[in-house]
């Protein structure tokens, strides 16, 4: 009976340590999120003021996306022209098939003429 009580105590201690470590990690994540959220709020204000000035600019966001897409296509085409990749030719067929090689090897090993290098 004492072995059962001892094993239950060890189990409870191990589970308590695991859940304690999980709670500690959770607490650390909450603290880190709270600390970084304050920095995000201050940078949001500066981004909002910058976006207000950008809203008056005549160039829209879709124009930037179209320009970025055009540049990406141009770069891809240039890289494709410079590429030296070419399809590889098919390897030559073997004179002896794999099945024939296996059979011949087994025959030689049965006769004792098989040498290992």
N, C-alpha and C. Protein backbone atom coordinates (compact mmCIF):
# COMPACT_ATOMS: atom_id res chain seq x y z
N UNK A 1 0.81 -1.19 0.00
CA UNK A 1 0.00 0.00 0.00
C UNK A 1 0.86 1.26 0.00
N UNK A 2 2.01 1.20 0.64
CA UNK A 2 2.87 2.37 0.69
C UNK A 2 3.47 2.64 -0.70
N UNK A 3 3.69 1.59 -1.50
CA UNK A 3 4.20 1.80 -2.86
C UNK A 3 3.18 2.55 -3.70
N UNK A 4 1.90 2.24 -3.52
CA UNK A 4 0.85 2.92 -4.26
C UNK A 4 0.77 4.39 -3.86
N UNK A 5 0.88 4.67 -2.60
CA UNK A 5 0.83 6.06 -2.13
C UNK A 5 2.05 6.83 -2.63
N UNK A 6 3.21 6.19 -2.57
CA UNK A 6 4.44 6.83 -3.05
C UNK A 6 4.36 7.12 -4.55
N UNK A 7 3.84 6.17 -5.32
CA UNK A 7 3.72 6.39 -6.77
C UNK A 7 2.71 7.49 -7.07
N UNK A 8 1.63 7.57 -6.31
CA UNK A 8 0.66 8.65 -6.51
C UNK A 8 1.27 10.01 -6.15
N UNK A 9 2.09 10.06 -5.11
CA UNK A 9 2.74 11.31 -4.73
C UNK A 9 3.73 11.76 -5.82
N UNK A 10 4.47 10.82 -6.35
CA UNK A 10 5.43 11.15 -7.42
C UNK A 10 4.69 11.63 -8.66
N UNK A 11 3.57 10.98 -8.98
CA UNK A 11 2.76 11.38 -10.13
C UNK A 11 2.19 12.78 -9.93
N UNK A 12 1.67 13.05 -8.73
CA UNK A 12 1.10 14.36 -8.44
C UNK A 12 2.18 15.44 -8.50
N UNK A 13 3.37 15.14 -8.00
CA UNK A 13 4.47 16.10 -8.05
C UNK A 13 4.88 16.38 -9.49
N UNK A 14 5.00 15.34 -10.29
CA UNK A 14 5.38 15.53 -11.70
C UNK A 14 4.35 16.32 -12.47
N UNK A 15 3.07 15.99 -12.27
CA UNK A 15 2.01 16.73 -12.97
C UNK A 15 1.95 18.17 -12.48
N UNK A 16 2.17 18.37 -11.21
CA UNK A 16 2.18 19.73 -10.67
C UNK A 16 3.29 20.56 -11.27
N UNK A 17 4.48 19.96 -11.43
CA UNK A 17 5.59 20.68 -12.05
C UNK A 17 5.30 21.01 -13.51
N UNK A 18 4.69 20.09 -14.23
CA UNK A 18 4.37 20.34 -15.63
C UNK A 18 3.37 21.48 -15.76
N UNK A 19 2.28 21.41 -14.98
CA UNK A 19 1.28 22.46 -15.07
C UNK A 19 1.81 23.78 -14.53
N UNK A 20 2.68 23.72 -13.55
CA UNK A 20 3.30 24.95 -13.05
C UNK A 20 4.17 25.61 -14.12
N UNK A 21 4.92 24.79 -14.87
CA UNK A 21 5.76 25.33 -15.95
C UNK A 21 4.89 25.92 -17.06
N UNK A 22 3.76 25.27 -17.36
CA UNK A 22 2.85 25.80 -18.39
C UNK A 22 2.28 27.14 -17.94
N UNK A 23 1.87 27.22 -16.68
CA UNK A 23 1.33 28.49 -16.17
C UNK A 23 2.39 29.58 -16.15
N UNK A 24 3.63 29.22 -15.83
CA UNK A 24 4.72 30.19 -15.84
C UNK A 24 4.97 30.72 -17.25
N UNK A 25 4.97 29.83 -18.24
CA UNK A 25 5.14 30.27 -19.63
C UNK A 25 3.98 31.15 -20.07
N UNK A 26 2.77 30.80 -19.67
CA UNK A 26 1.60 31.61 -20.01
C UNK A 26 1.72 33.00 -19.41
N UNK A 27 2.15 33.07 -18.16
CA UNK A 27 2.31 34.37 -17.50
C UNK A 27 3.38 35.20 -18.19
N UNK A 28 4.48 34.56 -18.60
CA UNK A 28 5.53 35.29 -19.31
C UNK A 28 5.03 35.82 -20.65
N UNK A 29 4.20 35.04 -21.36
CA UNK A 29 3.66 35.51 -22.64
C UNK A 29 2.72 36.69 -22.43
N UNK A 30 1.93 36.65 -21.37
CA UNK A 30 1.02 37.76 -21.09
C UNK A 30 1.82 39.03 -20.78
N UNK A 31 2.87 38.89 -20.00
CA UNK A 31 3.70 40.06 -19.66
C UNK A 31 4.39 40.61 -20.90
N UNK A 32 4.96 39.73 -21.72
CA UNK A 32 5.63 40.21 -22.94
C UNK A 32 4.65 40.86 -23.90
N UNK A 33 3.45 40.32 -24.00
CA UNK A 33 2.45 40.92 -24.88
C UNK A 33 2.05 42.29 -24.36
N UNK A 34 1.91 42.42 -23.04
CA UNK A 34 1.55 43.72 -22.47
C UNK A 34 2.66 44.74 -22.69
N UNK A 35 3.91 44.31 -22.58
CA UNK A 35 5.02 45.24 -22.77
C UNK A 35 5.15 45.67 -24.22
N UNK A 36 4.95 44.76 -25.14
CA UNK A 36 5.09 45.12 -26.56
C UNK A 36 3.86 45.83 -27.10
N UNK A 37 2.70 45.65 -26.47
CA UNK A 37 1.49 46.32 -26.94
C UNK A 37 1.60 47.82 -26.74
N UNK A 38 2.28 48.27 -25.70
CA UNK A 38 2.45 49.70 -25.48
C UNK A 38 3.29 50.32 -26.59
N UNK A 39 4.31 49.61 -27.04
CA UNK A 39 5.15 50.13 -28.12
C UNK A 39 4.35 50.18 -29.43
N UNK A 40 3.51 49.19 -29.67
CA UNK A 40 2.71 49.18 -30.88
C UNK A 40 1.72 50.33 -30.91
N UNK A 41 1.16 50.69 -29.78
CA UNK A 41 0.20 51.79 -29.73
C UNK A 41 0.88 53.11 -30.07
N UNK A 42 2.11 53.31 -29.62
CA UNK A 42 2.81 54.56 -29.92
C UNK A 42 3.21 54.61 -31.39
N UNK A 43 3.59 53.49 -31.98
CA UNK A 43 3.95 53.51 -33.39
C UNK A 43 2.72 53.61 -34.27
N UNK A 44 1.57 53.18 -33.79
CA UNK A 44 0.34 53.30 -34.56
C UNK A 44 -0.02 54.76 -34.77
N UNK A 45 0.23 55.58 -33.76
CA UNK A 45 -0.07 57.01 -33.90
C UNK A 45 0.80 57.65 -34.98
N UNK A 46 2.09 57.28 -35.01
CA UNK A 46 2.96 57.86 -36.02
C UNK A 46 2.61 57.33 -37.41
N UNK A 47 2.17 56.09 -37.51
CA UNK A 47 1.77 55.53 -38.80
C UNK A 47 0.49 56.21 -39.28
N UNK A 48 -0.45 56.49 -38.37
CA UNK A 48 -1.69 57.16 -38.74
C UNK A 48 -1.41 58.55 -39.29
N UNK A 49 -0.50 59.28 -38.66
CA UNK A 49 -0.20 60.62 -39.15
C UNK A 49 0.52 60.54 -40.50
N UNK A 50 1.34 59.52 -40.70
CA UNK A 50 2.02 59.37 -41.98
C UNK A 50 1.03 58.95 -43.06
N UNK A 51 0.05 58.13 -42.71
CA UNK A 51 -0.92 57.70 -43.71
C UNK A 51 -1.85 58.85 -44.10
N UNK A 52 -2.08 59.79 -43.20
CA UNK A 52 -2.90 60.95 -43.55
C UNK A 52 -2.21 61.80 -44.61
N UNK A 53 -0.89 61.95 -44.48
CA UNK A 53 -0.17 62.74 -45.47
C UNK A 53 -0.07 61.98 -46.79
N UNK A 54 -0.03 60.66 -46.74
CA UNK A 54 0.07 59.86 -47.95
C UNK A 54 -1.27 59.80 -48.66
N UNK A 55 -2.37 60.03 -47.96
CA UNK A 55 -3.68 59.99 -48.58
C UNK A 55 -3.88 61.14 -49.55
N UNK A 56 -3.16 62.21 -49.36
CA UNK A 56 -3.29 63.36 -50.27
C UNK A 56 -2.46 63.19 -51.52
N UNK A 57 -1.57 62.20 -51.56
CA UNK A 57 -0.73 61.99 -52.73
C UNK A 57 -1.58 61.47 -53.89
N UNK A 58 -1.24 61.84 -55.15
CA UNK A 58 -2.04 61.43 -56.28
C UNK A 58 -1.90 59.95 -56.65
N UNK A 59 -0.84 59.27 -56.21
CA UNK A 59 -0.60 57.88 -56.56
C UNK A 59 -1.37 56.99 -55.59
N UNK A 60 -2.16 56.08 -56.14
CA UNK A 60 -2.96 55.21 -55.28
C UNK A 60 -2.20 53.92 -54.98
N UNK A 61 -2.74 53.16 -54.06
CA UNK A 61 -2.10 51.91 -53.66
C UNK A 61 -2.14 50.88 -54.78
N UNK A 62 -3.17 50.88 -55.59
CA UNK A 62 -3.26 49.92 -56.70
C UNK A 62 -2.19 50.20 -57.74
N UNK A 63 -1.81 51.48 -57.91
CA UNK A 63 -0.73 51.80 -58.83
C UNK A 63 0.58 51.19 -58.36
N UNK A 64 0.82 51.25 -57.05
CA UNK A 64 2.03 50.65 -56.50
C UNK A 64 2.03 49.13 -56.69
N UNK A 65 0.89 48.52 -56.52
CA UNK A 65 0.80 47.08 -56.71
C UNK A 65 1.03 46.70 -58.17
N UNK A 66 0.49 47.49 -59.09
CA UNK A 66 0.71 47.21 -60.51
C UNK A 66 2.17 47.39 -60.88
N UNK A 67 2.81 48.43 -60.34
CA UNK A 67 4.23 48.65 -60.61
C UNK A 67 5.07 47.50 -60.05
N UNK A 68 4.74 47.07 -58.84
CA UNK A 68 5.48 45.97 -58.23
C UNK A 68 5.31 44.69 -59.03
N UNK A 69 4.10 44.43 -59.53
CA UNK A 69 3.87 43.24 -60.34
C UNK A 69 4.65 43.31 -61.65
N UNK A 70 4.68 44.48 -62.27
CA UNK A 70 5.41 44.64 -63.53
C UNK A 70 6.91 44.44 -63.31
N UNK A 71 7.43 44.97 -62.22
CA UNK A 71 8.85 44.79 -61.92
C UNK A 71 9.16 43.32 -61.66
N UNK A 72 8.27 42.63 -60.94
CA UNK A 72 8.50 41.22 -60.65
C UNK A 72 8.50 40.38 -61.92
N UNK A 73 7.61 40.69 -62.86
CA UNK A 73 7.57 39.96 -64.12
C UNK A 73 8.83 40.23 -64.93
N UNK A 74 9.29 41.48 -64.94
CA UNK A 74 10.50 41.83 -65.69
C UNK A 74 11.72 41.12 -65.12
N UNK A 75 11.81 41.05 -63.80
CA UNK A 75 12.95 40.37 -63.17
C UNK A 75 12.89 38.88 -63.47
N UNK A 76 11.70 38.28 -63.41
CA UNK A 76 11.57 36.85 -63.69
C UNK A 76 11.95 36.53 -65.13
N UNK A 77 11.54 37.37 -66.06
CA UNK A 77 11.90 37.14 -67.47
C UNK A 77 13.40 37.30 -67.69
N UNK A 78 14.02 38.27 -67.03
CA UNK A 78 15.46 38.47 -67.18
C UNK A 78 16.22 37.28 -66.60
N UNK A 79 15.79 36.77 -65.46
CA UNK A 79 16.45 35.61 -64.87
C UNK A 79 16.27 34.38 -65.74
N UNK A 80 15.12 34.26 -66.39
CA UNK A 80 14.87 33.11 -67.24
C UNK A 80 15.79 33.14 -68.47
N UNK A 81 16.05 34.31 -69.00
CA UNK A 81 16.95 34.42 -70.16
C UNK A 81 18.39 34.10 -69.77
N UNK A 82 18.78 34.48 -68.55
CA UNK A 82 20.16 34.24 -68.12
C UNK A 82 20.38 32.81 -67.64
N UNK A 83 19.33 32.08 -67.42
CA UNK A 83 19.46 30.73 -66.88
C UNK A 83 20.09 29.81 -67.90
N UNK A 84 21.02 28.98 -67.43
CA UNK A 84 21.67 28.00 -68.31
C UNK A 84 21.06 26.61 -68.13
N UNK A 85 19.91 26.56 -67.49
CA UNK A 85 19.26 25.27 -67.25
C UNK A 85 18.72 24.72 -68.57
N UNK A 86 18.89 23.45 -68.75
CA UNK A 86 18.37 22.78 -69.93
C UNK A 86 17.94 21.38 -69.51
N UNK A 87 17.02 20.80 -70.24
CA UNK A 87 16.56 19.46 -69.84
C UNK A 87 17.68 18.44 -70.01
N UNK A 88 17.78 17.56 -69.05
CA UNK A 88 18.82 16.53 -69.10
C UNK A 88 18.41 15.42 -70.06
N UNK A 89 19.36 14.89 -70.81
CA UNK A 89 19.03 13.78 -71.71
C UNK A 89 18.78 12.51 -70.89
N UNK A 90 18.02 11.61 -71.47
CA UNK A 90 17.76 10.34 -70.80
C UNK A 90 19.05 9.54 -70.73
N UNK A 91 19.28 8.84 -69.63
CA UNK A 91 20.50 8.04 -69.53
C UNK A 91 20.43 6.87 -70.50
N UNK A 92 21.58 6.40 -70.95
CA UNK A 92 21.57 5.26 -71.88
C UNK A 92 21.05 4.01 -71.16
N UNK A 93 20.42 3.18 -71.94
CA UNK A 93 19.89 1.94 -71.36
C UNK A 93 21.02 0.98 -71.04
N UNK A 94 20.82 0.20 -70.03
CA UNK A 94 21.84 -0.77 -69.63
C UNK A 94 21.85 -1.94 -70.61
N UNK A 95 23.03 -2.52 -70.79
CA UNK A 95 23.15 -3.67 -71.67
C UNK A 95 22.47 -4.86 -71.03
N UNK A 96 22.61 -4.96 -69.69
CA UNK A 96 22.01 -6.06 -68.95
C UNK A 96 20.97 -5.45 -68.03
N UNK A 97 19.79 -6.04 -68.02
CA UNK A 97 18.74 -5.51 -67.16
C UNK A 97 19.04 -5.83 -65.70
N UNK A 98 18.35 -5.17 -64.80
CA UNK A 98 18.56 -5.39 -63.37
C UNK A 98 18.19 -6.82 -62.99
N UNK A 99 17.17 -7.36 -63.60
CA UNK A 99 16.75 -8.73 -63.31
C UNK A 99 17.84 -9.71 -63.73
N UNK A 100 18.41 -9.51 -64.93
CA UNK A 100 19.47 -10.40 -65.41
C UNK A 100 20.70 -10.29 -64.51
N UNK A 101 21.03 -9.09 -64.09
CA UNK A 101 22.19 -8.91 -63.23
C UNK A 101 21.98 -9.63 -61.89
N UNK A 102 20.78 -9.53 -61.35
CA UNK A 102 20.50 -10.22 -60.09
C UNK A 102 20.59 -11.72 -60.23
N UNK A 103 20.05 -12.26 -61.32
CA UNK A 103 20.12 -13.71 -61.53
C UNK A 103 21.56 -14.18 -61.72
N UNK A 104 22.33 -13.45 -62.49
CA UNK A 104 23.72 -13.84 -62.73
C UNK A 104 24.53 -13.77 -61.44
N UNK A 105 24.27 -12.77 -60.62
CA UNK A 105 24.98 -12.65 -59.35
C UNK A 105 24.65 -13.81 -58.44
N UNK A 106 23.39 -14.17 -58.38
CA UNK A 106 23.01 -15.30 -57.51
C UNK A 106 23.61 -16.60 -58.03
N UNK A 107 23.70 -16.78 -59.35
CA UNK A 107 24.31 -17.99 -59.90
C UNK A 107 25.79 -18.06 -59.59
N UNK A 108 26.47 -16.92 -59.69
CA UNK A 108 27.91 -16.91 -59.40
C UNK A 108 28.17 -17.17 -57.93
N UNK A 109 27.31 -16.63 -57.06
CA UNK A 109 27.53 -16.85 -55.62
C UNK A 109 27.25 -18.31 -55.25
N UNK A 110 26.34 -18.96 -55.96
CA UNK A 110 26.06 -20.36 -55.69
C UNK A 110 27.23 -21.24 -56.13
N UNK A 111 27.90 -20.89 -57.23
CA UNK A 111 29.03 -21.67 -57.72
C UNK A 111 30.31 -21.39 -56.93
N UNK A 112 30.31 -20.29 -56.19
CA UNK A 112 31.50 -19.96 -55.39
C UNK A 112 32.50 -19.14 -56.17
N UNK A 113 32.16 -18.67 -57.35
CA UNK A 113 33.06 -17.87 -58.15
C UNK A 113 32.90 -16.36 -57.89
N UNK A 114 32.15 -16.03 -56.89
CA UNK A 114 31.85 -14.63 -56.62
C UNK A 114 32.96 -14.02 -55.77
N UNK A 115 33.58 -12.97 -56.28
CA UNK A 115 34.64 -12.28 -55.55
C UNK A 115 34.13 -10.93 -55.10
N UNK A 116 34.43 -10.60 -53.88
CA UNK A 116 34.06 -9.26 -53.38
C UNK A 116 35.32 -8.40 -53.36
N UNK A 117 35.17 -7.22 -53.86
CA UNK A 117 36.33 -6.30 -53.95
C UNK A 117 36.39 -5.48 -52.71
